Amino acid sequence: MGFGLGHLRLSPCAFWAMTPRELAAAARALGGAPPAGAALDRSGLAALMARFPDAPSRG
């Protein structure tokens, strides 16, 4: 987000409409690479889903 909104100065609407491939191409066009990060594995995804559920819990 920081790269798209800050460095590329995209509007939030334009940023969220981009695909990851388009964002990577924009980064390469500027001579940079998209920010690298650790890949999210199944346990990391499960932890995020538990912490931030799509629907409120009934419990």
C-alpha atoms as a PDB file:
ATOM      1  CA  MET A   1       0.000   0.000   0.000  1.00  0.00           C
ATOM      2  CA  GLY A   2       2.776   2.380   0.877  1.00  0.00           C
ATOM      3  CA  PHE A   3       4.392   1.916  -2.509  1.00  0.00           C
ATOM      4  CA  GLY A   4       1.162   2.356  -4.476  1.00  0.00           C
ATOM      5  CA  LEU A   5      -0.289   5.239  -2.499  1.00  0.00           C
ATOM      6  CA  GLY A   6       2.955   6.928  -1.512  1.00  0.00           C
ATOM      7  CA  HIS A   7       5.543   6.313  -4.205  1.00  0.00           C
ATOM      8  CA  LEU A   8       3.221   5.940  -7.201  1.00  0.00           C
ATOM      9  CA  ARG A   9       0.799   8.526  -5.775  1.00  0.00           C
ATOM     10  CA  LEU A  10      -2.230   6.507  -6.855  1.00  0.00           C
ATOM     11  CA  SER A  11      -5.640   7.412  -5.532  1.00  0.00           C
ATOM     12  CA  PRO A  12      -7.068   4.771  -3.172  1.00  0.00           C
ATOM     13  CA  CYS A  13      -9.651   3.887  -5.828  1.00  0.00           C
ATOM     14  CA  ALA A  14      -6.976   3.370  -8.492  1.00  0.00           C
ATOM     15  CA  PHE A  15      -4.762   1.400  -6.104  1.00  0.00           C
ATOM     16  CA  TRP A  16      -7.495  -1.034  -5.071  1.00  0.00           C
ATOM     17  CA  ALA A  17      -8.592  -1.469  -8.700  1.00  0.00           C
ATOM     18  CA  MET A  18      -5.088  -2.648  -9.706  1.00  0.00           C
ATOM     19  CA  THR A  19      -4.154  -6.281  -9.902  1.00  0.00           C
ATOM     20  CA  PRO A  20      -0.957  -7.458  -8.182  1.00  0.00           C
ATOM     21  CA  ARG A  21       0.505  -8.004 -11.657  1.00  0.00           C
ATOM     22  CA  GLU A  22      -0.226  -4.383 -12.626  1.00  0.00           C
ATOM     23  CA  LEU A  23       1.325  -3.096  -9.399  1.00  0.00           C
ATOM     24  CA  ALA A  24       4.450  -5.198  -9.997  1.00  0.00           C
ATOM     25  CA  ALA A  25       4.693  -3.889 -13.576  1.00  0.00           C
ATOM     26  CA  ALA A  26       4.440  -0.302 -12.319  1.00  0.00           C
ATOM     27  CA  ALA A  27       7.241  -1.000  -9.833  1.00  0.00           C
ATOM     28  CA  ARG A  28       9.455  -2.499 -12.537  1.00  0.00           C
ATOM     29  CA  ALA A  29       8.766   0.461 -14.842  1.00  0.00           C
ATOM     30  CA  LEU A  30      10.174   2.756 -12.166  1.00  0.00           C
ATOM     31  CA  GLY A  31      13.297   0.629 -11.846  1.00  0.00           C
ATOM     32  CA  GLY A  32      12.275  -0.934  -8.598  1.00  0.00           C
ATOM     33  CA  ALA A  33      10.827  -4.169  -7.428  1.00  0.00           C
ATOM     34  CA  PRO A  34       7.640  -4.689  -5.487  1.00  0.00           C
ATOM     35  CA  PRO A  35       8.219  -4.925  -1.762  1.00  0.00           C
ATOM     36  CA  ALA A  36       9.082  -8.464  -0.738  1.00  0.00           C
ATOM     37  CA  GLY A  37       7.653 -10.112   2.295  1.00  0.00           C
ATOM     38  CA  ALA A  38       7.285 -13.504   3.803  1.00  0.00           C
ATOM     39  CA  ALA A  39       4.613 -15.632   2.199  1.00  0.00           C
ATOM     40  CA  LEU A  40       1.571 -16.337   4.309  1.00  0.00           C
ATOM     41  CA  ASP A  41       1.207 -20.027   5.091  1.00  0.00           C
ATOM     42  CA  ARG A  42      -1.960 -21.903   6.122  1.00  0.00           C
ATOM     43  CA  SER A  43      -1.409 -21.425   9.838  1.00  0.00           C
ATOM     44  CA  GLY A  44      -0.821 -17.697   9.364  1.00  0.00           C
ATOM     45  CA  LEU A  45      -3.992 -17.396   7.307  1.00  0.00           C
ATOM     46  CA  ALA A  46      -5.961 -19.370   9.911  1.00  0.00           C
ATOM     47  CA  ALA A  47      -4.678 -17.063  12.653  1.00  0.00           C
ATOM     48  CA  LEU A  48      -5.711 -13.958  10.695  1.00  0.00           C
ATOM     49  CA  MET A  49      -9.133 -15.439   9.933  1.00  0.00           C
ATOM     50  CA  ALA A  50      -9.661 -16.193  13.626  1.00  0.00           C
ATOM     51  CA  ARG A  51      -8.554 -12.719  14.649  1.00  0.00           C
ATOM     52  CA  PHE A  52     -10.522 -10.868  11.959  1.00  0.00           C
ATOM     53  CA  PRO A  53     -13.609 -12.918  11.057  1.00  0.00           C
ATOM     54  CA  ASP A  54     -15.808 -11.857   8.140  1.00  0.00           C
ATOM     55  CA  ALA A  55     -18.931 -12.083  10.282  1.00  0.00           C
ATOM     56  CA  PRO A  56     -19.366 -11.261  13.961  1.00  0.00           C
ATOM     57  CA  SER A  57     -19.132 -14.294  16.204  1.00  0.00           C
ATOM     58  CA  ARG A  58     -22.223 -15.394  18.089  1.00  0.00           C
ATOM     59  CA  GLY A  59     -20.276 -16.652  21.060  1.00  0.00           C
END
